[in-house]
């Protein structure tokens, strides 16, 4: 596994599709690694981080019971003009209910 995300994704940086980015996030076994990759996507600015990516991260972080991060992403979406959709609310409800909240 590559520690340096620039090294890992650099060759595909300009060619990665939205679907490929979604798959990369979903396939992470570690919430920390998924969050690092998500932040890398946002930093690169050549990628559109959309509601699907936020929903994936909310789900991952909810399973890990990282409520502060879940709430931070929810607030960040709104601040960045990424409009929550029905599946966003469903993902939040699922994460909170499975986490006992």
PDB file of N, CA and C in Angstrom:
ATOM      1  N   UNK A   1       0.847  -1.184   0.000  1.00  0.00           N
ATOM      2  CA  UNK A   1       0.000   0.000   0.000  1.00  0.00           C
ATOM      3  C   UNK A   1       0.885   1.237   0.000  1.00  0.00           C
ATOM      4  N   UNK A   2       0.503   2.197  -0.795  1.00  0.00           N
ATOM      5  CA  UNK A   2       1.224   3.454  -0.878  1.00  0.00           C
ATOM      6  C   UNK A   2       0.834   4.347   0.298  1.00  0.00           C
ATOM      7  N   UNK A   3       1.822   4.886   0.968  1.00  0.00           N
ATOM      8  CA  UNK A   3       1.549   5.861   2.020  1.00  0.00           C
ATOM      9  C   UNK A   3       1.274   7.231   1.408  1.00  0.00           C
ATOM     10  N   UNK A   4       1.994   7.555   0.359  1.00  0.00           N
ATOM     11  CA  UNK A   4       1.884   8.859  -0.300  1.00  0.00           C
ATOM     12  C   UNK A   4       0.790   8.788  -1.370  1.00  0.00           C
ATOM     13  N   UNK A   5      -0.288   9.505  -1.149  1.00  0.00           N
ATOM     14  CA  UNK A   5      -1.402   9.456  -2.086  1.00  0.00           C
ATOM     15  C   UNK A   5      -1.049  10.074  -3.435  1.00  0.00           C
ATOM     16  N   UNK A   6      -0.169  11.055  -3.461  1.00  0.00           N
ATOM     17  CA  UNK A   6       0.271  11.617  -4.741  1.00  0.00           C
ATOM     18  C   UNK A   6       0.973  10.548  -5.568  1.00  0.00           C
ATOM     19  N   UNK A   7       1.763   9.727  -4.905  1.00  0.00           N
ATOM     20  CA  UNK A   7       2.464   8.641  -5.596  1.00  0.00           C
ATOM     21  C   UNK A   7       1.469   7.579  -6.069  1.00  0.00           C
ATOM     22  N   UNK A   8       0.483   7.265  -5.226  1.00  0.00           N
ATOM     23  CA  UNK A   8      -0.481   6.215  -5.552  1.00  0.00           C
ATOM     24  C   UNK A   8      -1.414   6.616  -6.687  1.00  0.00           C
ATOM     25  N   UNK A   9      -1.931   7.842  -6.625  1.00  0.00           N
ATOM     26  CA  UNK A   9      -2.940   8.264  -7.592  1.00  0.00           C
ATOM     27  C   UNK A   9      -2.406   9.193  -8.671  1.00  0.00           C
ATOM     28  N   UNK A  10      -1.201   9.668  -8.516  1.00  0.00           N
ATOM     29  CA  UNK A  10      -0.624  10.623  -9.459  1.00  0.00           C
ATOM     30  C   UNK A  10      -0.762  10.245 -10.920  1.00  0.00           C
ATOM     31  N   UNK A  11      -0.437   8.993 -11.286  1.00  0.00           N
ATOM     32  CA  UNK A  11      -0.530   8.627 -12.706  1.00  0.00           C
ATOM     33  C   UNK A  11      -1.942   8.721 -13.284  1.00  0.00           C
ATOM     34  N   UNK A  12      -2.961   8.644 -12.433  1.00  0.00           N
ATOM     35  CA  UNK A  12      -4.354   8.676 -12.897  1.00  0.00           C
ATOM     36  C   UNK A  12      -5.058   9.969 -12.512  1.00  0.00           C
ATOM     37  N   UNK A  13      -4.323  10.892 -11.980  1.00  0.00           N
ATOM     38  CA  UNK A  13      -4.904  12.098 -11.402  1.00  0.00           C
ATOM     39  C   UNK A  13      -5.873  12.814 -12.337  1.00  0.00           C
ATOM     40  N   UNK A  14      -5.541  12.936 -13.590  1.00  0.00           N
ATOM     41  CA  UNK A  14      -6.371  13.688 -14.523  1.00  0.00           C
ATOM     42  C   UNK A  14      -7.377  12.821 -15.274  1.00  0.00           C
ATOM     43  N   UNK A  15      -7.353  11.511 -15.013  1.00  0.00           N
ATOM     44  CA  UNK A  15      -8.211  10.617 -15.794  1.00  0.00           C
ATOM     45  C   UNK A  15      -9.215   9.830 -14.962  1.00  0.00           C
ATOM     46  N   UNK A  16      -9.202   9.994 -13.650  1.00  0.00           N
ATOM     47  CA  UNK A  16     -10.073   9.209 -12.783  1.00  0.00           C
ATOM     48  C   UNK A  16     -11.521   9.705 -12.890  1.00  0.00           C
ATOM     49  N   UNK A  17     -12.427   8.786 -13.162  1.00  0.00           N
ATOM     50  CA  UNK A  17     -13.840   9.160 -13.292  1.00  0.00           C
ATOM     51  C   UNK A  17     -14.484   9.273 -11.906  1.00  0.00           C
ATOM     52  N   UNK A  18     -15.645   9.867 -11.893  1.00  0.00           N
ATOM     53  CA  UNK A  18     -16.417  10.000 -10.654  1.00  0.00           C
ATOM     54  C   UNK A  18     -16.719   8.611 -10.081  1.00  0.00           C
ATOM     55  N   UNK A  19     -17.091   7.686 -10.936  1.00  0.00           N
ATOM     56  CA  UNK A  19     -17.399   6.319 -10.502  1.00  0.00           C
ATOM     57  C   UNK A  19     -16.161   5.645  -9.912  1.00  0.00           C
ATOM     58  N   UNK A  20     -15.012   5.831 -10.532  1.00  0.00           N
ATOM     59  CA  UNK A  20     -13.775   5.247 -10.011  1.00  0.00           C
ATOM     60  C   UNK A  20     -13.426   5.815  -8.633  1.00  0.00           C
ATOM     61  N   UNK A  21     -13.637   7.114  -8.444  1.00  0.00           N
ATOM     62  CA  UNK A  21     -13.379   7.720  -7.137  1.00  0.00           C
ATOM     63  C   UNK A  21     -14.330   7.151  -6.091  1.00  0.00           C
ATOM     64  N   UNK A  22     -15.573   6.934  -6.469  1.00  0.00           N
ATOM     65  CA  UNK A  22     -16.545   6.337  -5.554  1.00  0.00           C
ATOM     66  C   UNK A  22     -16.118   4.933  -5.139  1.00  0.00           C
ATOM     67  N   UNK A  23     -15.688   4.143  -6.099  1.00  0.00           N
ATOM     68  CA  UNK A  23     -15.247   2.774  -5.822  1.00  0.00           C
ATOM     69  C   UNK A  23     -14.032   2.780  -4.905  1.00  0.00           C
ATOM     70  N   UNK A  24     -13.091   3.665  -5.169  1.00  0.00           N
ATOM     71  CA  UNK A  24     -11.888   3.762  -4.335  1.00  0.00           C
ATOM     72  C   UNK A  24     -12.270   4.048  -2.886  1.00  0.00           C
ATOM     73  N   UNK A  25     -13.187   4.975  -2.673  1.00  0.00           N
ATOM     74  CA  UNK A  25     -13.617   5.295  -1.312  1.00  0.00           C
ATOM     75  C   UNK A  25     -14.334   4.109  -0.665  1.00  0.00           C
ATOM     76  N   UNK A  26     -15.249   3.475  -1.391  1.00  0.00           N
ATOM     77  CA  UNK A  26     -16.029   2.370  -0.844  1.00  0.00           C
ATOM     78  C   UNK A  26     -15.177   1.163  -0.483  1.00  0.00           C
ATOM     79  N   UNK A  27     -14.103   0.963  -1.191  1.00  0.00           N
ATOM     80  CA  UNK A  27     -13.285  -0.234  -1.007  1.00  0.00           C
ATOM     81  C   UNK A  27     -12.310  -0.147   0.175  1.00  0.00           C
ATOM     82  N   UNK A  28     -12.207   0.988   0.808  1.00  0.00           N
ATOM     83  CA  UNK A  28     -11.266   1.132   1.931  1.00  0.00           C
ATOM     84  C   UNK A  28     -11.788   0.376   3.138  1.00  0.00           C
ATOM     85  N   UNK A  29     -10.889  -0.370   3.778  1.00  0.00           N
ATOM     86  CA  UNK A  29     -11.269  -1.096   4.994  1.00  0.00           C
ATOM     87  C   UNK A  29     -11.066  -0.233   6.232  1.00  0.00           C
ATOM     88  N   UNK A  30     -10.320   0.828   6.104  1.00  0.00           N
ATOM     89  CA  UNK A  30     -10.022   1.721   7.223  1.00  0.00           C
ATOM     90  C   UNK A  30     -10.698   3.068   7.010  1.00  0.00           C
ATOM     91  N   UNK A  31     -11.449   3.516   8.003  1.00  0.00           N
ATOM     92  CA  UNK A  31     -12.097   4.823   7.883  1.00  0.00           C
ATOM     93  C   UNK A  31     -11.059   5.930   7.781  1.00  0.00           C
ATOM     94  N   UNK A  32      -9.905   5.751   8.457  1.00  0.00           N
ATOM     95  CA  UNK A  32      -8.851   6.768   8.406  1.00  0.00           C
ATOM     96  C   UNK A  32      -8.314   6.926   6.986  1.00  0.00           C
ATOM     97  N   UNK A  33      -8.088   5.776   6.333  1.00  0.00           N
ATOM     98  CA  UNK A  33      -7.556   5.813   4.965  1.00  0.00           C
ATOM     99  C   UNK A  33      -8.587   6.421   4.010  1.00  0.00           C
ATOM    100  N   UNK A  34      -9.840   6.052   4.170  1.00  0.00           N
ATOM    101  CA  UNK A  34     -10.897   6.626   3.329  1.00  0.00           C
ATOM    102  C   UNK A  34     -10.948   8.141   3.510  1.00  0.00           C
ATOM    103  N   UNK A  35     -10.838   8.604   4.754  1.00  0.00           N
ATOM    104  CA  UNK A  35     -10.877  10.041   5.019  1.00  0.00           C
ATOM    105  C   UNK A  35      -9.667  10.739   4.401  1.00  0.00           C
ATOM    106  N   UNK A  36      -8.497  10.118   4.487  1.00  0.00           N
ATOM    107  CA  UNK A  36      -7.296  10.688   3.852  1.00  0.00           C
ATOM    108  C   UNK A  36      -7.486  10.829   2.344  1.00  0.00           C
ATOM    109  N   UNK A  37      -8.042   9.803   1.723  1.00  0.00           N
ATOM    110  CA  UNK A  37      -8.256   9.821   0.272  1.00  0.00           C
ATOM    111  C   UNK A  37      -9.300  10.879  -0.095  1.00  0.00           C
ATOM    112  N   UNK A  38     -10.379  10.950   0.683  1.00  0.00           N
ATOM    113  CA  UNK A  38     -11.412  11.949   0.453  1.00  0.00           C
ATOM    114  C   UNK A  38     -10.828  13.356   0.530  1.00  0.00           C
ATOM    115  N   UNK A  39     -10.007  13.607   1.532  1.00  0.00           N
ATOM    116  CA  UNK A  39      -9.352  14.918   1.670  1.00  0.00           C
ATOM    117  C   UNK A  39      -8.418  15.176   0.495  1.00  0.00           C
ATOM    118  N   UNK A  40      -7.743  14.145   0.015  1.00  0.00           N
ATOM    119  CA  UNK A  40      -6.838  14.287  -1.132  1.00  0.00           C
ATOM    120  C   UNK A  40      -7.634  14.690  -2.366  1.00  0.00           C
ATOM    121  N   UNK A  41      -8.793  14.029  -2.577  1.00  0.00           N
ATOM    122  CA  UNK A  41      -9.649  14.403  -3.711  1.00  0.00           C
ATOM    123  C   UNK A  41     -10.035  15.875  -3.620  1.00  0.00           C
ATOM    124  N   UNK A  42     -10.415  16.319  -2.453  1.00  0.00           N
ATOM    125  CA  UNK A  42     -10.826  17.723  -2.282  1.00  0.00           C
ATOM    126  C   UNK A  42      -9.653  18.670  -2.518  1.00  0.00           C
ATOM    127  N   UNK A  43      -8.472  18.310  -2.066  1.00  0.00           N
ATOM    128  CA  UNK A  43      -7.295  19.167  -2.228  1.00  0.00           C
ATOM    129  C   UNK A  43      -6.899  19.323  -3.686  1.00  0.00           C
ATOM    130  N   UNK A  44      -7.080  18.288  -4.460  1.00  0.00           N
ATOM    131  CA  UNK A  44      -6.616  18.297  -5.856  1.00  0.00           C
ATOM    132  C   UNK A  44      -7.400  19.271  -6.727  1.00  0.00           C
ATOM    133  N   UNK A  45      -8.622  19.527  -6.414  1.00  0.00           N
ATOM    134  CA  UNK A  45      -9.477  20.482  -7.129  1.00  0.00           C
ATOM    135  C   UNK A  45      -9.674  20.158  -8.614  1.00  0.00           C
ATOM    136  N   UNK A  46      -9.037  19.104  -9.117  1.00  0.00           N
ATOM    137  CA  UNK A  46      -9.332  18.693 -10.490  1.00  0.00           C
ATOM    138  C   UNK A  46     -10.491  17.701 -10.464  1.00  0.00           C
ATOM    139  N   UNK A  47     -10.942  17.371  -9.257  1.00  0.00           N
ATOM    140  CA  UNK A  47     -12.059  16.463  -9.084  1.00  0.00           C
ATOM    141  C   UNK A  47     -13.246  17.206  -8.522  1.00  0.00           C
ATOM    142  N   UNK A  48     -14.413  16.842  -8.979  1.00  0.00           N
ATOM    143  CA  UNK A  48     -15.637  17.343  -8.379  1.00  0.00           C
ATOM    144  C   UNK A  48     -16.004  16.362  -7.270  1.00  0.00           C
ATOM    145  N   UNK A  49     -15.972  16.840  -6.033  1.00  0.00           N
ATOM    146  CA  UNK A  49     -16.425  16.019  -4.921  1.00  0.00           C
ATOM    147  C   UNK A  49     -17.911  16.296  -4.793  1.00  0.00           C
ATOM    148  N   UNK A  50     -18.724  15.263  -5.029  1.00  0.00           N
ATOM    149  CA  UNK A  50     -20.159  15.475  -5.118  1.00  0.00           C
ATOM    150  C   UNK A  50     -20.913  14.810  -3.967  1.00  0.00           C
ATOM    151  N   UNK A  51     -22.218  14.882  -4.032  1.00  0.00           N
ATOM    152  CA  UNK A  51     -23.059  14.368  -2.953  1.00  0.00           C
ATOM    153  C   UNK A  51     -22.845  12.866  -2.755  1.00  0.00           C
ATOM    154  N   UNK A  52     -22.573  12.135  -3.803  1.00  0.00           N
ATOM    155  CA  UNK A  52     -22.318  10.694  -3.684  1.00  0.00           C
ATOM    156  C   UNK A  52     -21.099  10.433  -2.816  1.00  0.00           C
ATOM    157  N   UNK A  53     -20.020  11.189  -3.046  1.00  0.00           N
ATOM    158  CA  UNK A  53     -18.799  11.002  -2.262  1.00  0.00           C
ATOM    159  C   UNK A  53     -19.026  11.361  -0.795  1.00  0.00           C
ATOM    160  N   UNK A  54     -19.776  12.422  -0.559  1.00  0.00           N
ATOM    161  CA  UNK A  54     -20.103  12.771   0.823  1.00  0.00           C
ATOM    162  C   UNK A  54     -20.944  11.668   1.464  1.00  0.00           C
ATOM    163  N   UNK A  55     -21.920  11.128   0.746  1.00  0.00           N
ATOM    164  CA  UNK A  55     -22.746  10.051   1.292  1.00  0.00           C
ATOM    165  C   UNK A  55     -21.909   8.823   1.635  1.00  0.00           C
ATOM    166  N   UNK A  56     -20.980   8.483   0.764  1.00  0.00           N
ATOM    167  CA  UNK A  56     -20.093   7.341   1.025  1.00  0.00           C
ATOM    168  C   UNK A  56     -19.305   7.579   2.303  1.00  0.00           C
ATOM    169  N   UNK A  57     -18.765   8.779   2.440  1.00  0.00           N
ATOM    170  CA  UNK A  57     -17.962   9.082   3.627  1.00  0.00           C
ATOM    171  C   UNK A  57     -18.813   9.124   4.890  1.00  0.00           C
ATOM    172  N   UNK A  58     -20.022   9.655   4.801  1.00  0.00           N
ATOM    173  CA  UNK A  58     -20.918   9.665   5.963  1.00  0.00           C
ATOM    174  C   UNK A  58     -21.199   8.231   6.402  1.00  0.00           C
ATOM    175  N   UNK A  59     -21.423   7.352   5.451  1.00  0.00           N
ATOM    176  CA  UNK A  59     -21.681   5.952   5.759  1.00  0.00           C
ATOM    177  C   UNK A  59     -20.459   5.295   6.422  1.00  0.00           C
ATOM    178  N   UNK A  60     -19.290   5.502   5.843  1.00  0.00           N
ATOM    179  CA  UNK A  60     -18.049   4.925   6.390  1.00  0.00           C
ATOM    180  C   UNK A  60     -17.796   5.432   7.803  1.00  0.00           C
ATOM    181  N   UNK A  61     -17.913   6.728   7.983  1.00  0.00           N
ATOM    182  CA  UNK A  61     -17.634   7.323   9.292  1.00  0.00           C
ATOM    183  C   UNK A  61     -18.716   6.970  10.308  1.00  0.00           C
ATOM    184  N   UNK A  62     -19.945   6.808   9.844  1.00  0.00           N
ATOM    185  CA  UNK A  62     -21.018   6.376  10.737  1.00  0.00           C
ATOM    186  C   UNK A  62     -20.787   4.964  11.245  1.00  0.00           C
ATOM    187  N   UNK A  63     -20.370   4.064  10.346  1.00  0.00           N
ATOM    188  CA  UNK A  63     -20.068   2.690  10.774  1.00  0.00           C
ATOM    189  C   UNK A  63     -18.959   2.666  11.816  1.00  0.00           C
ATOM    190  N   UNK A  64     -18.020   3.603  11.672  1.00  0.00           N
ATOM    191  CA  UNK A  64     -16.895   3.684  12.620  1.00  0.00           C
ATOM    192  C   UNK A  64     -17.275   4.490  13.872  1.00  0.00           C
ATOM    193  N   UNK A  65     -18.504   5.024  13.889  1.00  0.00           N
ATOM    194  CA  UNK A  65     -19.006   5.836  15.008  1.00  0.00           C
ATOM    195  C   UNK A  65     -18.153   7.068  15.265  1.00  0.00           C
ATOM    196  N   UNK A  66     -17.748   7.686  14.200  1.00  0.00           N
ATOM    197  CA  UNK A  66     -16.968   8.923  14.254  1.00  0.00           C
ATOM    198  C   UNK A  66     -17.914  10.097  14.029  1.00  0.00           C
ATOM    199  N   UNK A  67     -18.749  10.355  15.030  1.00  0.00           N
ATOM    200  CA  UNK A  67     -19.846  11.309  14.911  1.00  0.00           C
ATOM    201  C   UNK A  67     -19.374  12.728  14.646  1.00  0.00           C
ATOM    202  N   UNK A  68     -18.262  13.126  15.220  1.00  0.00           N
ATOM    203  CA  UNK A  68     -17.736  14.466  14.963  1.00  0.00           C
ATOM    204  C   UNK A  68     -17.419  14.671  13.491  1.00  0.00           C
ATOM    205  N   UNK A  69     -16.829  13.648  12.873  1.00  0.00           N
ATOM    206  CA  UNK A  69     -16.526  13.727  11.441  1.00  0.00           C
ATOM    207  C   UNK A  69     -17.814  13.717  10.607  1.00  0.00           C
ATOM    208  N   UNK A  70     -18.784  12.902  11.010  1.00  0.00           N
ATOM    209  CA  UNK A  70     -20.058  12.850  10.284  1.00  0.00           C
ATOM    210  C   UNK A  70     -20.695  14.237  10.273  1.00  0.00           C
ATOM    211  N   UNK A  71     -20.758  14.856  11.436  1.00  0.00           N
ATOM    212  CA  UNK A  71     -21.370  16.178  11.539  1.00  0.00           C
ATOM    213  C   UNK A  71     -20.556  17.231  10.792  1.00  0.00           C
ATOM    214  N   UNK A  72     -19.244  17.097  10.841  1.00  0.00           N
ATOM    215  CA  UNK A  72     -18.377  18.028  10.115  1.00  0.00           C
ATOM    216  C   UNK A  72     -18.634  17.938   8.608  1.00  0.00           C
ATOM    217  N   UNK A  73     -18.748  16.722   8.082  1.00  0.00           N
ATOM    218  CA  UNK A  73     -19.009  16.552   6.649  1.00  0.00           C
ATOM    219  C   UNK A  73     -20.385  17.087   6.268  1.00  0.00           C
ATOM    220  N   UNK A  74     -21.374  16.840   7.109  1.00  0.00           N
ATOM    221  CA  UNK A  74     -22.719  17.358   6.849  1.00  0.00           C
ATOM    222  C   UNK A  74     -22.685  18.886   6.739  1.00  0.00           C
ATOM    223  N   UNK A  75     -22.004  19.525   7.681  1.00  0.00           N
ATOM    224  CA  UNK A  75     -21.903  20.982   7.665  1.00  0.00           C
ATOM    225  C   UNK A  75     -21.081  21.474   6.469  1.00  0.00           C
ATOM    226  N   UNK A  76     -20.017  20.741   6.147  1.00  0.00           N
ATOM    227  CA  UNK A  76     -19.152  21.104   5.020  1.00  0.00           C
ATOM    228  C   UNK A  76     -19.910  21.041   3.702  1.00  0.00           C
ATOM    229  N   UNK A  77     -20.751  20.027   3.552  1.00  0.00           N
ATOM    230  CA  UNK A  77     -21.557  19.907   2.331  1.00  0.00           C
ATOM    231  C   UNK A  77     -22.355  21.184   2.104  1.00  0.00           C
ATOM    232  N   UNK A  78     -23.057  21.584   3.137  1.00  0.00           N
ATOM    233  CA  UNK A  78     -23.922  22.761   3.030  1.00  0.00           C
ATOM    234  C   UNK A  78     -23.095  24.004   2.751  1.00  0.00           C
ATOM    235  N   UNK A  79     -21.979  24.153   3.455  1.00  0.00           N
ATOM    236  CA  UNK A  79     -21.113  25.324   3.271  1.00  0.00           C
ATOM    237  C   UNK A  79     -20.537  25.384   1.856  1.00  0.00           C
ATOM    238  N   UNK A  80     -20.289  24.214   1.250  1.00  0.00           N
ATOM    239  CA  UNK A  80     -19.695  24.158  -0.093  1.00  0.00           C
ATOM    240  C   UNK A  80     -20.741  24.093  -1.203  1.00  0.00           C
ATOM    241  N   UNK A  81     -22.008  24.219  -0.835  1.00  0.00           N
ATOM    242  CA  UNK A  81     -23.050  24.217  -1.856  1.00  0.00           C
ATOM    243  C   UNK A  81     -23.373  22.848  -2.427  1.00  0.00           C
ATOM    244  N   UNK A  82     -22.975  21.779  -1.729  1.00  0.00           N
ATOM    245  CA  UNK A  82     -23.323  20.426  -2.153  1.00  0.00           C
ATOM    246  C   UNK A  82     -24.658  20.109  -1.482  1.00  0.00           C
ATOM    247  N   UNK A  83     -25.697  20.060  -2.275  1.00  0.00           N
ATOM    248  CA  UNK A  83     -27.050  19.930  -1.746  1.00  0.00           C
ATOM    249  C   UNK A  83     -27.333  18.482  -1.335  1.00  0.00           C
ATOM    250  N   UNK A  84     -27.692  18.274  -0.073  1.00  0.00           N
ATOM    251  CA  UNK A  84     -28.079  16.918   0.354  1.00  0.00           C
ATOM    252  C   UNK A  84     -29.325  16.462  -0.409  1.00  0.00           C
ATOM    253  N   UNK A  85     -29.368  15.182  -0.709  1.00  0.00           N
ATOM    254  CA  UNK A  85     -30.511  14.597  -1.404  1.00  0.00           C
ATOM    255  C   UNK A  85     -31.156  13.569  -0.468  1.00  0.00           C
ATOM    256  N   UNK A  86     -32.238  12.954  -0.911  1.00  0.00           N
ATOM    257  CA  UNK A  86     -32.932  11.974  -0.066  1.00  0.00           C
ATOM    258  C   UNK A  86     -31.997  10.892   0.452  1.00  0.00           C
ATOM    259  N   UNK A  87     -31.103  10.421  -0.407  1.00  0.00           N
ATOM    260  CA  UNK A  87     -30.192   9.354   0.033  1.00  0.00           C
ATOM    261  C   UNK A  87     -29.214   9.859   1.102  1.00  0.00           C
ATOM    262  N   UNK A  88     -28.921  11.147   1.106  1.00  0.00           N
ATOM    263  CA  UNK A  88     -28.059  11.711   2.153  1.00  0.00           C
ATOM    264  C   UNK A  88     -28.757  11.589   3.503  1.00  0.00           C
ATOM    265  N   UNK A  89     -30.031  11.967   3.535  1.00  0.00           N
ATOM    266  CA  UNK A  89     -30.780  11.876   4.784  1.00  0.00           C
ATOM    267  C   UNK A  89     -30.955  10.418   5.209  1.00  0.00           C
ATOM    268  N   UNK A  90     -31.177   9.540   4.254  1.00  0.00           N
ATOM    269  CA  UNK A  90     -31.273   8.109   4.549  1.00  0.00           C
ATOM    270  C   UNK A  90     -29.970   7.566   5.110  1.00  0.00           C
ATOM    271  N   UNK A  91     -28.859   8.010   4.550  1.00  0.00           N
ATOM    272  CA  UNK A  91     -27.541   7.580   5.027  1.00  0.00           C
ATOM    273  C   UNK A  91     -27.307   8.084   6.442  1.00  0.00           C
ATOM    274  N   UNK A  92     -27.678   9.338   6.710  1.00  0.00           N
ATOM    275  CA  UNK A  92     -27.529   9.884   8.071  1.00  0.00           C
ATOM    276  C   UNK A  92     -28.402   9.115   9.061  1.00  0.00           C
ATOM    277  N   UNK A  93     -29.644   8.856   8.701  1.00  0.00           N
ATOM    278  CA  UNK A  93     -30.542   8.113   9.590  1.00  0.00           C
ATOM    279  C   UNK A  93     -29.994   6.714   9.849  1.00  0.00           C
ATOM    280  N   UNK A  94     -29.533   6.057   8.796  1.00  0.00           N
ATOM    281  CA  UNK A  94     -28.963   4.703   8.934  1.00  0.00           C
ATOM    282  C   UNK A  94     -27.743   4.724   9.840  1.00  0.00           C
ATOM    283  N   UNK A  95     -26.841   5.671   9.622  1.00  0.00           N
ATOM    284  CA  UNK A  95     -25.619   5.745  10.427  1.00  0.00           C
ATOM    285  C   UNK A  95     -25.944   5.986  11.897  1.00  0.00           C
ATOM    286  N   UNK A  96     -26.820   6.936  12.146  1.00  0.00           N
ATOM    287  CA  UNK A  96     -27.170   7.261  13.534  1.00  0.00           C
ATOM    288  C   UNK A  96     -27.934   6.124  14.206  1.00  0.00           C
ATOM    289  N   UNK A  97     -28.852   5.499  13.494  1.00  0.00           N
ATOM    290  CA  UNK A  97     -29.642   4.426  14.121  1.00  0.00           C
ATOM    291  C   UNK A  97     -28.790   3.192  14.409  1.00  0.00           C
ATOM    292  N   UNK A  98     -27.920   2.831  13.490  1.00  0.00           N
ATOM    293  CA  UNK A  98     -27.041   1.679  13.710  1.00  0.00           C
ATOM    294  C   UNK A  98     -26.010   1.962  14.787  1.00  0.00           C
ATOM    295  N   UNK A  99     -25.698   3.255  14.973  1.00  0.00           N
ATOM    296  CA  UNK A  99     -24.741   3.640  15.997  1.00  0.00           C
ATOM    297  C   UNK A  99     -25.390   3.903  17.346  1.00  0.00           C
ATOM    298  N   UNK A 100     -26.692   3.640  17.438  1.00  0.00           N
ATOM    299  CA  UNK A 100     -27.384   3.800  18.699  1.00  0.00           C
ATOM    300  C   UNK A 100     -27.726   5.228  19.059  1.00  0.00           C
ATOM    301  N   UNK A 101     -27.761   6.102  18.071  1.00  0.00           N
ATOM    302  CA  UNK A 101     -28.082   7.515  18.337  1.00  0.00           C
ATOM    303  C   UNK A 101     -29.448   7.849  17.828  1.00  0.00           C
TER     304      UNK A 101
END
